[in-house]
Amino acid sequence: MARQSLMRWLERRANGKISQATKKVPLLEIEEERKHLRPLRHSIYRKGRIGAREERLVNDKCRIAVNASLYDLPEKYRNKAVEIYKTEDTLFVFDRYSGEEIADYSLSLIPGAIVKNRAVSREKSVTAQELKNEVRGYFILESWRMFVEANFKSFGRYVRDQCLEARKYFRDQEIDLEAFDEAVRFCIDNKTISMANLNDSYRHIVEKKAAMMREGPAVPVIAFKNGAIRVVDEFTVSKPDTEPYRSLVGGTGGVQ
């Protein structure tokens, strides 16, 4: 009852009459000011408040979508929920249950960009040698063995990152071995031996193969003057008899 009386008093007197300080009616002036108000920006100092965070689902490639861009997260968060907090230019990601901060990123201004964090992608619990042995065992192809050894040698300082990319692209995926073998050999021949290049080459070959299957084999067709159409298995070209012309050129009947 007292609260209702107070609200009526605010509307009638405190905010409903001309202020001696501004010479304006506050109740009317606030409506004009609302046209120019902006939303309160998220502050970095509020990131620790649980109620200020939003939930995001990590996809099967260990990424979350924020403002039309994708951000990498550790493997253990695949298909799980995390919490995020955004300021004007920074993204913070938290473990949903422990509240521990997983990573922070500068927000991308490019829609569709994939933002990576090298520190996040490294799995400290697994040694580089264990990752290399795991990747070697993905395929029994001889071309794959040659490729991974060349990859490990070329990316010695970043072999852990290459192994984690191989995990993302090829582990638990349905792979066309014929197309994959072709892609691996192409990369070896052209010395493009990063896992990202291999994935791009493989996807291109698979798409090209699928397009050819949709179109089907080319069928030779002959169209005749009377409008008839004949489908043939192969074209044959007749060879004219050139003997009469040879006798005219080389014999007594030659042109004088």
Protein backbone atom coordinates (compact mmCIF):
# COMPACT_ATOMS: atom_id res chain seq x y z
CA MET A 1 0.00 0.00 0.00
CA ALA A 2 2.79 2.40 0.93
CA ARG A 3 4.67 1.47 -2.25
CA GLN A 4 1.65 2.27 -4.44
CA SER A 5 1.17 5.61 -2.65
CA LEU A 6 4.84 6.44 -3.19
CA MET A 7 4.64 5.69 -6.93
CA ARG A 8 1.55 7.91 -7.30
CA TRP A 9 3.37 10.71 -5.44
CA LEU A 10 6.39 10.38 -7.78
CA GLU A 11 4.18 10.64 -10.87
CA ARG A 12 2.06 13.50 -9.46
CA ARG A 13 4.65 15.70 -7.73
CA ALA A 14 8.32 14.67 -7.90
CA ASN A 15 8.30 13.87 -11.62
CA GLY A 16 5.05 15.50 -12.69
CA LYS A 17 5.83 19.15 -11.91
CA ILE A 18 8.37 21.60 -13.29
CA SER A 19 11.77 21.15 -11.69
CA GLN A 20 13.23 24.35 -10.20
CA ALA A 21 16.70 23.22 -11.26
CA THR A 22 16.03 22.44 -14.94
CA LYS A 23 12.76 24.27 -15.48
CA LYS A 24 11.46 21.11 -17.14
CA VAL A 25 8.99 18.36 -16.22
CA PRO A 26 11.07 15.19 -15.48
CA LEU A 27 8.30 12.81 -16.58
CA LEU A 28 8.22 14.46 -20.02
CA GLU A 29 11.94 15.05 -20.30
CA ILE A 30 12.85 11.37 -19.76
CA GLU A 31 10.81 10.40 -22.82
CA GLU A 32 12.90 12.76 -24.95
CA GLU A 33 16.16 11.49 -23.44
CA ARG A 34 15.22 7.85 -24.13
CA LYS A 35 15.60 8.57 -27.86
CA HIS A 36 19.33 9.14 -27.32
CA LEU A 37 20.12 6.45 -24.75
CA ARG A 38 22.40 3.55 -25.72
CA PRO A 39 22.61 0.03 -24.26
CA LEU A 40 25.04 -0.36 -21.36
CA ARG A 41 28.32 -1.83 -22.66
CA HIS A 42 29.65 -5.02 -21.16
CA SER A 43 32.67 -4.27 -19.03
CA ILE A 44 35.68 -6.57 -18.69
CA TYR A 45 35.24 -6.22 -14.92
CA ARG A 46 31.85 -7.96 -15.08
CA LYS A 47 33.07 -11.13 -16.82
CA GLY A 48 33.24 -12.94 -13.49
CA ARG A 49 29.51 -12.52 -12.89
CA ILE A 50 27.76 -15.75 -13.88
CA GLY A 51 24.49 -13.98 -14.61
CA ALA A 52 26.17 -11.83 -17.25
CA ARG A 53 27.30 -14.81 -19.37
CA GLU A 54 25.57 -16.53 -22.29
CA GLU A 55 25.49 -20.24 -23.11
CA ARG A 56 26.91 -21.56 -26.39
CA LEU A 57 27.00 -25.10 -27.81
CA VAL A 58 30.34 -26.30 -29.19
CA ASN A 59 29.91 -27.99 -32.57
CA ASP A 60 31.44 -31.27 -33.77
CA LYS A 61 34.52 -29.39 -35.02
CA CYS A 62 35.18 -27.94 -31.56
CA ARG A 63 34.07 -24.42 -32.46
CA ILE A 64 31.49 -21.94 -31.21
CA ALA A 65 29.70 -19.34 -33.32
CA VAL A 66 29.75 -15.76 -32.07
CA ASN A 67 28.75 -12.76 -34.21
CA ALA A 68 28.86 -14.89 -37.40
CA SER A 69 32.49 -15.99 -36.76
CA LEU A 70 33.82 -19.30 -35.40
CA TYR A 71 36.20 -19.72 -32.46
CA ASP A 72 38.24 -22.87 -31.76
CA LEU A 73 38.03 -24.62 -28.40
CA PRO A 74 39.87 -27.62 -26.90
CA GLU A 75 38.94 -31.11 -28.06
CA LYS A 76 37.32 -32.07 -24.75
CA TYR A 77 34.51 -29.53 -25.29
CA ARG A 78 33.30 -31.08 -28.57
CA ASN A 79 29.45 -31.08 -28.68
CA LYS A 80 29.27 -29.68 -25.13
CA ALA A 81 27.97 -26.39 -23.75
CA VAL A 82 30.21 -23.55 -22.59
CA GLU A 83 29.55 -20.01 -21.40
CA ILE A 84 30.74 -16.80 -23.04
CA TYR A 85 31.04 -13.17 -22.07
CA LYS A 86 31.59 -10.40 -24.66
CA THR A 87 32.91 -6.90 -24.30
CA GLU A 88 33.09 -4.49 -27.22
CA ASP A 89 36.22 -6.14 -28.64
CA THR A 90 36.99 -9.27 -26.59
CA LEU A 91 35.38 -12.69 -26.20
CA PHE A 92 35.86 -14.74 -23.01
CA VAL A 93 34.92 -18.43 -22.87
CA PHE A 94 34.27 -20.31 -19.62
CA ASP A 95 33.75 -23.90 -18.53
CA ARG A 96 30.04 -24.22 -17.80
CA TYR A 97 30.47 -26.29 -14.63
CA SER A 98 33.74 -25.23 -13.04
CA GLY A 99 33.49 -21.58 -14.10
CA GLU A 100 37.16 -21.69 -15.16
CA GLU A 101 38.14 -19.40 -18.02
CA ILE A 102 39.02 -21.54 -21.06
CA ALA A 103 40.24 -18.87 -23.45
CA ASP A 104 39.94 -15.30 -24.62
CA TYR A 105 39.90 -13.96 -28.18
CA SER A 106 39.85 -10.63 -29.94
CA LEU A 107 36.45 -10.47 -31.63
CA SER A 108 36.69 -10.89 -35.38
CA LEU A 109 35.21 -8.21 -37.65
CA ILE A 110 35.06 -10.64 -40.60
CA PRO A 111 31.83 -12.71 -40.89
CA GLY A 112 32.60 -16.39 -41.38
CA ALA A 113 36.17 -16.12 -40.08
CA ILE A 114 37.65 -19.04 -38.13
CA VAL A 115 39.62 -17.68 -35.16
CA LYS A 116 42.25 -19.94 -33.61
CA ASN A 117 44.22 -19.75 -30.41
CA ARG A 118 47.44 -21.76 -30.48
CA ALA A 119 47.52 -22.08 -26.70
CA VAL A 120 43.97 -23.47 -26.70
CA SER A 121 44.59 -26.00 -29.48
CA ARG A 122 47.52 -27.59 -27.63
CA GLU A 123 46.53 -30.56 -25.47
CA LYS A 124 49.05 -30.60 -22.64
CA SER A 125 47.87 -34.00 -21.36
CA VAL A 126 48.95 -35.77 -24.57
CA THR A 127 52.59 -35.79 -25.65
CA ALA A 128 53.63 -34.94 -29.19
CA GLN A 129 54.93 -38.49 -29.69
CA GLU A 130 51.57 -39.96 -28.66
CA LEU A 131 49.81 -37.68 -31.11
CA LYS A 132 52.19 -38.66 -33.92
CA ASN A 133 51.62 -42.37 -33.28
CA GLU A 134 47.86 -41.79 -33.25
CA VAL A 135 47.95 -39.94 -36.59
CA ARG A 136 50.15 -42.59 -38.23
CA GLY A 137 47.49 -45.17 -37.43
CA TYR A 138 44.59 -43.36 -39.10
CA PHE A 139 45.21 -45.08 -42.47
CA ILE A 140 47.22 -48.09 -43.64
CA LEU A 141 47.98 -46.53 -47.02
CA GLU A 142 51.65 -46.39 -48.01
CA SER A 143 51.06 -42.90 -49.41
CA TRP A 144 49.75 -41.79 -45.99
CA ARG A 145 52.86 -43.14 -44.26
CA MET A 146 55.08 -41.15 -46.63
CA PHE A 147 52.95 -38.05 -46.23
CA VAL A 148 52.91 -37.97 -42.42
CA GLU A 149 56.66 -38.55 -42.16
CA ALA A 150 57.29 -35.67 -44.56
CA ASN A 151 54.77 -33.57 -42.65
CA PHE A 152 56.39 -34.25 -39.27
CA LYS A 153 59.81 -33.41 -40.69
CA SER A 154 58.70 -30.15 -42.31
CA PHE A 155 56.62 -28.96 -39.34
CA GLY A 156 58.96 -30.05 -36.57
CA ARG A 157 58.20 -27.07 -34.36
CA TYR A 158 54.47 -27.29 -34.97
CA VAL A 159 53.99 -31.04 -35.19
CA ARG A 160 51.46 -30.99 -32.33
CA ASP A 161 49.30 -28.49 -34.22
CA GLN A 162 49.51 -30.58 -37.40
CA CYS A 163 48.43 -33.69 -35.49
CA LEU A 164 45.47 -31.87 -33.96
CA GLU A 165 44.43 -30.69 -37.43
CA ALA A 166 44.64 -34.27 -38.69
CA ARG A 167 42.36 -35.25 -35.81
CA LYS A 168 39.86 -32.60 -36.74
CA TYR A 169 39.85 -33.38 -40.47
CA PHE A 170 40.21 -37.16 -40.62
CA ARG A 171 39.48 -38.86 -37.30
CA ASP A 172 35.92 -40.12 -36.86
CA GLN A 173 35.11 -39.03 -40.43
CA GLU A 174 33.78 -41.15 -43.29
CA ILE A 175 36.67 -41.12 -45.77
CA ASP A 176 36.64 -42.20 -49.43
CA LEU A 177 39.96 -44.07 -49.46
CA GLU A 178 40.37 -43.95 -53.24
CA ALA A 179 39.89 -40.18 -53.33
CA PHE A 180 42.01 -39.76 -50.19
CA ASP A 181 44.90 -41.75 -51.66
CA GLU A 182 44.74 -39.58 -54.80
CA ALA A 183 44.78 -36.42 -52.67
CA VAL A 184 47.74 -37.63 -50.60
CA ARG A 185 49.77 -38.47 -53.71
CA PHE A 186 48.89 -35.09 -55.24
CA CYS A 187 50.16 -33.28 -52.14
CA ILE A 188 53.37 -35.32 -52.04
CA ASP A 189 54.06 -34.66 -55.73
CA ASN A 190 53.41 -30.93 -55.33
CA LYS A 191 55.15 -30.65 -51.95
CA THR A 192 52.04 -29.20 -50.27
CA ILE A 193 52.23 -31.38 -47.20
CA SER A 194 50.30 -29.55 -44.51
CA MET A 195 47.17 -31.21 -43.12
CA ALA A 196 45.06 -28.22 -44.17
CA ASN A 197 46.28 -28.52 -47.79
CA LEU A 198 45.59 -32.25 -47.76
CA ASN A 199 42.07 -31.68 -46.48
CA ASP A 200 41.41 -29.05 -49.17
CA SER A 201 42.74 -31.36 -51.90
CA TYR A 202 40.70 -34.31 -50.64
CA ARG A 203 37.47 -32.28 -50.47
CA HIS A 204 38.05 -30.98 -54.00
CA ILE A 205 38.57 -34.49 -55.40
CA VAL A 206 35.49 -35.82 -53.59
CA GLU A 207 33.33 -32.96 -54.92
CA LYS A 208 34.68 -33.45 -58.45
CA LYS A 209 33.99 -37.18 -58.26
CA ALA A 210 30.44 -36.57 -57.03
CA ALA A 211 29.80 -34.08 -59.84
CA MET A 212 30.96 -36.61 -62.47
CA MET A 213 28.65 -39.27 -61.04
CA ARG A 214 25.70 -36.89 -61.18
CA GLU A 215 26.39 -35.97 -64.80
CA GLY A 216 27.02 -39.53 -65.96
CA PRO A 217 29.27 -40.64 -68.85
CA ALA A 218 29.17 -38.68 -72.10
CA VAL A 219 27.16 -40.50 -74.82
CA PRO A 220 28.12 -39.92 -78.50
CA VAL A 221 25.10 -38.79 -80.57
CA ILE A 222 24.70 -38.31 -84.35
CA ALA A 223 21.97 -36.06 -85.72
CA PHE A 224 20.93 -36.66 -89.37
CA LYS A 225 19.47 -34.12 -91.82
CA ASN A 226 16.03 -35.72 -91.70
CA GLY A 227 15.85 -35.10 -87.98
CA ALA A 228 16.68 -38.62 -86.86
CA ILE A 229 19.04 -39.09 -83.92
CA ARG A 230 21.25 -42.08 -83.39
CA VAL A 231 23.20 -42.94 -80.24
CA VAL A 232 26.46 -44.78 -80.94
CA ASP A 233 29.04 -46.42 -78.71
CA GLU A 234 31.97 -45.00 -80.61
CA PHE A 235 32.72 -42.97 -83.73
CA THR A 236 34.37 -44.64 -86.74
CA VAL A 237 35.93 -42.64 -89.56
CA SER A 238 36.08 -44.26 -93.03
CA LYS A 239 39.33 -44.11 -94.95
CA PRO A 240 39.03 -43.34 -98.71
CA ASP A 241 40.89 -45.40 -101.30
CA THR A 242 43.86 -43.22 -102.39
CA GLU A 243 45.31 -45.66 -104.93
CA PRO A 244 43.78 -43.99 -108.06
CA TYR A 245 45.34 -40.66 -107.05
CA ARG A 246 48.75 -42.23 -106.52
CA SER A 247 48.71 -43.76 -110.03
CA LEU A 248 47.86 -40.40 -111.55
CA VAL A 249 50.71 -38.64 -109.74
CA GLY A 250 53.40 -41.29 -110.16
CA GLY A 251 52.35 -43.00 -113.41
CA THR A 252 51.99 -42.08 -117.09
CA GLY A 253 48.66 -40.44 -116.49
CA GLY A 254 50.29 -37.64 -114.48
CA VAL A 255 49.50 -34.02 -115.16
CA GLN A 256 51.85 -32.36 -117.74
